[in-house]
């Protein structure tokens, strides 16, 4: 194996190790931010379109631990929905949890939940993006700033 190939392999191994450490840190954060010695919950998420109820696939469901004072902890855990708009995770400690759902073509969803049951199913209805507004009038004359009008001529 050449020196260049060894360097690439080392970089890949380091990148994987850093990714794995980050995942462990996020899971530890979820456990530490809440009462880790207490009961755990199995969470089920269903993400659907608000206007027709059809599932949203590949939506990112991001879980953020929240302190008792409502402050979001650093990091988070991201889940992806399947073709049926579903995803799940087991072993989430009871307590407050912030859930964000992001999917292209939809408004971002965010809400805090109190996890207090052994099993909890959360259905998220994503809305289409709202209309966009502009301070500029699309019918206004598109003249450059500072452009002078040509002098008006009077008919003779």
C-alpha atoms as a PDB file:
ATOM      1  CA  UNK A   1       0.000   0.000   0.000  1.00  0.00           C
ATOM      2  CA  UNK A   2       1.378   3.402  -0.970  1.00  0.00           C
ATOM      3  CA  UNK A   3       1.945   6.271   1.411  1.00  0.00           C
ATOM      4  CA  UNK A   4      -0.954   8.248  -0.116  1.00  0.00           C
ATOM      5  CA  UNK A   5      -3.350   5.307   0.343  1.00  0.00           C
ATOM      6  CA  UNK A   6      -2.262   4.929   3.975  1.00  0.00           C
ATOM      7  CA  UNK A   7      -2.925   8.636   4.574  1.00  0.00           C
ATOM      8  CA  UNK A   8      -6.413   8.376   3.068  1.00  0.00           C
ATOM      9  CA  UNK A   9      -7.167   5.290   5.171  1.00  0.00           C
ATOM     10  CA  UNK A  10      -5.958   7.096   8.298  1.00  0.00           C
ATOM     11  CA  UNK A  11      -8.134  10.114   7.545  1.00  0.00           C
ATOM     12  CA  UNK A  12     -11.184   7.900   6.952  1.00  0.00           C
ATOM     13  CA  UNK A  13     -10.571   6.008  10.190  1.00  0.00           C
ATOM     14  CA  UNK A  14     -10.164   9.277  12.110  1.00  0.00           C
ATOM     15  CA  UNK A  15     -13.332  10.721  10.533  1.00  0.00           C
ATOM     16  CA  UNK A  16     -15.296   7.586  11.451  1.00  0.00           C
ATOM     17  CA  UNK A  17     -13.918   7.669  15.002  1.00  0.00           C
ATOM     18  CA  UNK A  18     -14.917  11.334  15.370  1.00  0.00           C
ATOM     19  CA  UNK A  19     -18.411  10.612  14.005  1.00  0.00           C
ATOM     20  CA  UNK A  20     -18.803   7.675  16.400  1.00  0.00           C
ATOM     21  CA  UNK A  21     -17.623   9.803  19.337  1.00  0.00           C
ATOM     22  CA  UNK A  22     -20.097  12.533  18.402  1.00  0.00           C
ATOM     23  CA  UNK A  23     -22.964  10.012  18.293  1.00  0.00           C
ATOM     24  CA  UNK A  24     -22.007   8.645  21.702  1.00  0.00           C
ATOM     25  CA  UNK A  25     -21.755  12.196  23.088  1.00  0.00           C
ATOM     26  CA  UNK A  26     -25.222  13.093  21.785  1.00  0.00           C
ATOM     27  CA  UNK A  27     -26.769   9.961  23.284  1.00  0.00           C
ATOM     28  CA  UNK A  28     -24.960  10.634  26.549  1.00  0.00           C
ATOM     29  CA  UNK A  29     -26.237  14.219  26.418  1.00  0.00           C
ATOM     30  CA  UNK A  30     -29.811  13.009  26.021  1.00  0.00           C
ATOM     31  CA  UNK A  31     -29.362  10.754  29.020  1.00  0.00           C
ATOM     32  CA  UNK A  32     -27.480  13.268  31.197  1.00  0.00           C
ATOM     33  CA  UNK A  33     -29.651  16.281  30.401  1.00  0.00           C
ATOM     34  CA  UNK A  34     -32.579  14.467  31.936  1.00  0.00           C
ATOM     35  CA  UNK A  35     -32.922  12.033  34.807  1.00  0.00           C
ATOM     36  CA  UNK A  36     -30.999   9.031  33.459  1.00  0.00           C
ATOM     37  CA  UNK A  37     -31.874   6.839  36.446  1.00  0.00           C
ATOM     38  CA  UNK A  38     -35.588   7.213  35.878  1.00  0.00           C
ATOM     39  CA  UNK A  39     -37.987   5.512  33.497  1.00  0.00           C
ATOM     40  CA  UNK A  40     -37.423   5.417  29.751  1.00  0.00           C
ATOM     41  CA  UNK A  41     -39.814   5.851  26.846  1.00  0.00           C
ATOM     42  CA  UNK A  42     -40.073   4.374  23.362  1.00  0.00           C
ATOM     43  CA  UNK A  43     -40.925   7.150  20.907  1.00  0.00           C
ATOM     44  CA  UNK A  44     -42.659   6.703  17.571  1.00  0.00           C
ATOM     45  CA  UNK A  45     -42.903   9.529  15.046  1.00  0.00           C
ATOM     46  CA  UNK A  46     -45.216   9.812  12.054  1.00  0.00           C
ATOM     47  CA  UNK A  47     -44.612  12.721   9.669  1.00  0.00           C
ATOM     48  CA  UNK A  48     -47.378  13.554   7.191  1.00  0.00           C
ATOM     49  CA  UNK A  49     -48.432  16.368   4.877  1.00  0.00           C
ATOM     50  CA  UNK A  50     -50.894  18.725   6.563  1.00  0.00           C
ATOM     51  CA  UNK A  51     -53.056  19.192   3.467  1.00  0.00           C
ATOM     52  CA  UNK A  52     -53.618  15.536   2.452  1.00  0.00           C
ATOM     53  CA  UNK A  53     -52.256  13.270   5.216  1.00  0.00           C
ATOM     54  CA  UNK A  54     -49.748  11.510   2.934  1.00  0.00           C
ATOM     55  CA  UNK A  55     -46.429  10.472   4.517  1.00  0.00           C
ATOM     56  CA  UNK A  56     -43.278  12.557   4.176  1.00  0.00           C
ATOM     57  CA  UNK A  57     -40.254  10.343   3.538  1.00  0.00           C
ATOM     58  CA  UNK A  58     -36.667  11.280   4.415  1.00  0.00           C
ATOM     59  CA  UNK A  59     -37.790  14.005   6.808  1.00  0.00           C
ATOM     60  CA  UNK A  60     -35.213  14.787   9.494  1.00  0.00           C
ATOM     61  CA  UNK A  61     -36.623  14.384  13.010  1.00  0.00           C
ATOM     62  CA  UNK A  62     -34.148  16.074  15.370  1.00  0.00           C
ATOM     63  CA  UNK A  63     -34.345  15.466  19.117  1.00  0.00           C
ATOM     64  CA  UNK A  64     -32.807  17.986  21.509  1.00  0.00           C
ATOM     65  CA  UNK A  65     -32.598  17.438  25.252  1.00  0.00           C
ATOM     66  CA  UNK A  66     -34.059  20.340  27.235  1.00  0.00           C
ATOM     67  CA  UNK A  67     -33.222  21.280  30.812  1.00  0.00           C
ATOM     68  CA  UNK A  68     -35.977  21.673  33.394  1.00  0.00           C
ATOM     69  CA  UNK A  69     -35.586  25.446  32.915  1.00  0.00           C
ATOM     70  CA  UNK A  70     -36.370  25.112  29.192  1.00  0.00           C
ATOM     71  CA  UNK A  71     -32.837  25.642  27.902  1.00  0.00           C
ATOM     72  CA  UNK A  72     -31.865  23.467  24.929  1.00  0.00           C
ATOM     73  CA  UNK A  73     -28.702  21.432  25.443  1.00  0.00           C
ATOM     74  CA  UNK A  74     -25.998  21.392  22.793  1.00  0.00           C
ATOM     75  CA  UNK A  75     -26.132  18.722  20.157  1.00  0.00           C
ATOM     76  CA  UNK A  76     -29.040  16.590  19.155  1.00  0.00           C
ATOM     77  CA  UNK A  77     -29.945  13.280  17.619  1.00  0.00           C
ATOM     78  CA  UNK A  78     -31.281  13.089  14.054  1.00  0.00           C
ATOM     79  CA  UNK A  79     -33.618  10.381  12.813  1.00  0.00           C
ATOM     80  CA  UNK A  80     -34.870   9.957   9.218  1.00  0.00           C
ATOM     81  CA  UNK A  81     -38.373   8.896   8.268  1.00  0.00           C
ATOM     82  CA  UNK A  82     -38.952   5.858   6.046  1.00  0.00           C
ATOM     83  CA  UNK A  83     -41.242   5.643   2.990  1.00  0.00           C
ATOM     84  CA  UNK A  84     -44.273   5.552   5.314  1.00  0.00           C
ATOM     85  CA  UNK A  85     -43.173   8.754   7.087  1.00  0.00           C
ATOM     86  CA  UNK A  86     -42.293   6.803  10.249  1.00  0.00           C
ATOM     87  CA  UNK A  87     -39.260   6.608  12.506  1.00  0.00           C
ATOM     88  CA  UNK A  88     -38.690   5.578  16.121  1.00  0.00           C
ATOM     89  CA  UNK A  89     -36.211   5.478  18.950  1.00  0.00           C
ATOM     90  CA  UNK A  90     -36.234   3.510  22.198  1.00  0.00           C
ATOM     91  CA  UNK A  91     -34.808   4.399  25.594  1.00  0.00           C
ATOM     92  CA  UNK A  92     -35.428   8.133  25.807  1.00  0.00           C
ATOM     93  CA  UNK A  93     -35.526   9.319  29.446  1.00  0.00           C
ATOM     94  CA  UNK A  94     -38.686  10.911  30.813  1.00  0.00           C
ATOM     95  CA  UNK A  95     -38.662  14.699  30.847  1.00  0.00           C
ATOM     96  CA  UNK A  96     -38.773  17.605  28.408  1.00  0.00           C
ATOM     97  CA  UNK A  97     -37.678  17.013  24.825  1.00  0.00           C
ATOM     98  CA  UNK A  98     -37.563  19.462  21.920  1.00  0.00           C
ATOM     99  CA  UNK A  99     -38.554  17.959  18.559  1.00  0.00           C
ATOM    100  CA  UNK A 100     -37.778  19.638  15.242  1.00  0.00           C
ATOM    101  CA  UNK A 101     -38.797  18.238  11.873  1.00  0.00           C
ATOM    102  CA  UNK A 102     -37.204  19.459   8.649  1.00  0.00           C
ATOM    103  CA  UNK A 103     -38.051  18.409   5.112  1.00  0.00           C
ATOM    104  CA  UNK A 104     -37.449  20.156   1.785  1.00  0.00           C
ATOM    105  CA  UNK A 105     -40.592  21.859   0.487  1.00  0.00           C
ATOM    106  CA  UNK A 106     -42.203  22.211   3.935  1.00  0.00           C
ATOM    107  CA  UNK A 107     -42.179  24.643   6.834  1.00  0.00           C
ATOM    108  CA  UNK A 108     -39.870  23.660   9.685  1.00  0.00           C
ATOM    109  CA  UNK A 109     -41.772  22.192  12.631  1.00  0.00           C
ATOM    110  CA  UNK A 110     -40.677  22.624  16.234  1.00  0.00           C
ATOM    111  CA  UNK A 111     -42.325  21.846  19.519  1.00  0.00           C
ATOM    112  CA  UNK A 112     -41.439  20.807  23.073  1.00  0.00           C
ATOM    113  CA  UNK A 113     -42.918  17.606  24.492  1.00  0.00           C
ATOM    114  CA  UNK A 114     -43.053  16.223  28.007  1.00  0.00           C
ATOM    115  CA  UNK A 115     -42.019  12.582  27.768  1.00  0.00           C
ATOM    116  CA  UNK A 116     -43.939  10.852  30.559  1.00  0.00           C
ATOM    117  CA  UNK A 117     -45.237   7.542  29.191  1.00  0.00           C
ATOM    118  CA  UNK A 118     -43.518   4.222  28.419  1.00  0.00           C
ATOM    119  CA  UNK A 119     -44.630   4.528  24.784  1.00  0.00           C
ATOM    120  CA  UNK A 120     -45.488   7.720  22.960  1.00  0.00           C
ATOM    121  CA  UNK A 121     -46.487   8.298  19.341  1.00  0.00           C
ATOM    122  CA  UNK A 122     -46.070  11.809  17.984  1.00  0.00           C
ATOM    123  CA  UNK A 123     -47.738  12.751  14.706  1.00  0.00           C
ATOM    124  CA  UNK A 124     -46.305  15.798  12.960  1.00  0.00           C
ATOM    125  CA  UNK A 125     -48.273  17.497  10.190  1.00  0.00           C
ATOM    126  CA  UNK A 126     -45.966  19.535   7.969  1.00  0.00           C
ATOM    127  CA  UNK A 127     -47.342  22.571   6.174  1.00  0.00           C
ATOM    128  CA  UNK A 128     -46.413  23.984   2.798  1.00  0.00           C
ATOM    129  CA  UNK A 129     -44.211  27.056   2.918  1.00  0.00           C
ATOM    130  CA  UNK A 130     -46.102  30.293   3.394  1.00  0.00           C
ATOM    131  CA  UNK A 131     -46.290  33.007   0.797  1.00  0.00           C
ATOM    132  CA  UNK A 132     -43.352  35.326   0.503  1.00  0.00           C
ATOM    133  CA  UNK A 133     -43.770  39.047   0.760  1.00  0.00           C
ATOM    134  CA  UNK A 134     -41.621  41.797  -0.632  1.00  0.00           C
ATOM    135  CA  UNK A 135     -41.244  45.428   0.309  1.00  0.00           C
ATOM    136  CA  UNK A 136     -40.627  46.118  -3.346  1.00  0.00           C
ATOM    137  CA  UNK A 137     -43.520  46.807  -5.677  1.00  0.00           C
ATOM    138  CA  UNK A 138     -43.149  44.506  -8.714  1.00  0.00           C
ATOM    139  CA  UNK A 139     -45.060  47.018 -10.856  1.00  0.00           C
ATOM    140  CA  UNK A 140     -42.799  49.939  -9.935  1.00  0.00           C
ATOM    141  CA  UNK A 141     -40.634  51.573 -12.556  1.00  0.00           C
ATOM    142  CA  UNK A 142     -37.266  49.811 -12.561  1.00  0.00           C
ATOM    143  CA  UNK A 143     -35.140  52.936 -12.850  1.00  0.00           C
ATOM    144  CA  UNK A 144     -31.727  53.065 -11.309  1.00  0.00           C
ATOM    145  CA  UNK A 145     -31.249  55.137  -8.203  1.00  0.00           C
ATOM    146  CA  UNK A 146     -29.941  58.565  -9.101  1.00  0.00           C
ATOM    147  CA  UNK A 147     -30.952  58.283 -12.755  1.00  0.00           C
ATOM    148  CA  UNK A 148     -32.147  61.613 -14.060  1.00  0.00           C
ATOM    149  CA  UNK A 149     -35.247  61.928 -16.161  1.00  0.00           C
ATOM    150  CA  UNK A 150     -34.733  63.377 -19.607  1.00  0.00           C
ATOM    151  CA  UNK A 151     -36.012  66.945 -19.851  1.00  0.00           C
ATOM    152  CA  UNK A 152     -39.598  67.173 -20.938  1.00  0.00           C
ATOM    153  CA  UNK A 153     -40.188  68.877 -24.266  1.00  0.00           C
ATOM    154  CA  UNK A 154     -43.273  70.907 -24.902  1.00  0.00           C
ATOM    155  CA  UNK A 155     -45.012  70.555 -28.236  1.00  0.00           C
ATOM    156  CA  UNK A 156     -44.638  73.669 -30.404  1.00  0.00           C
END
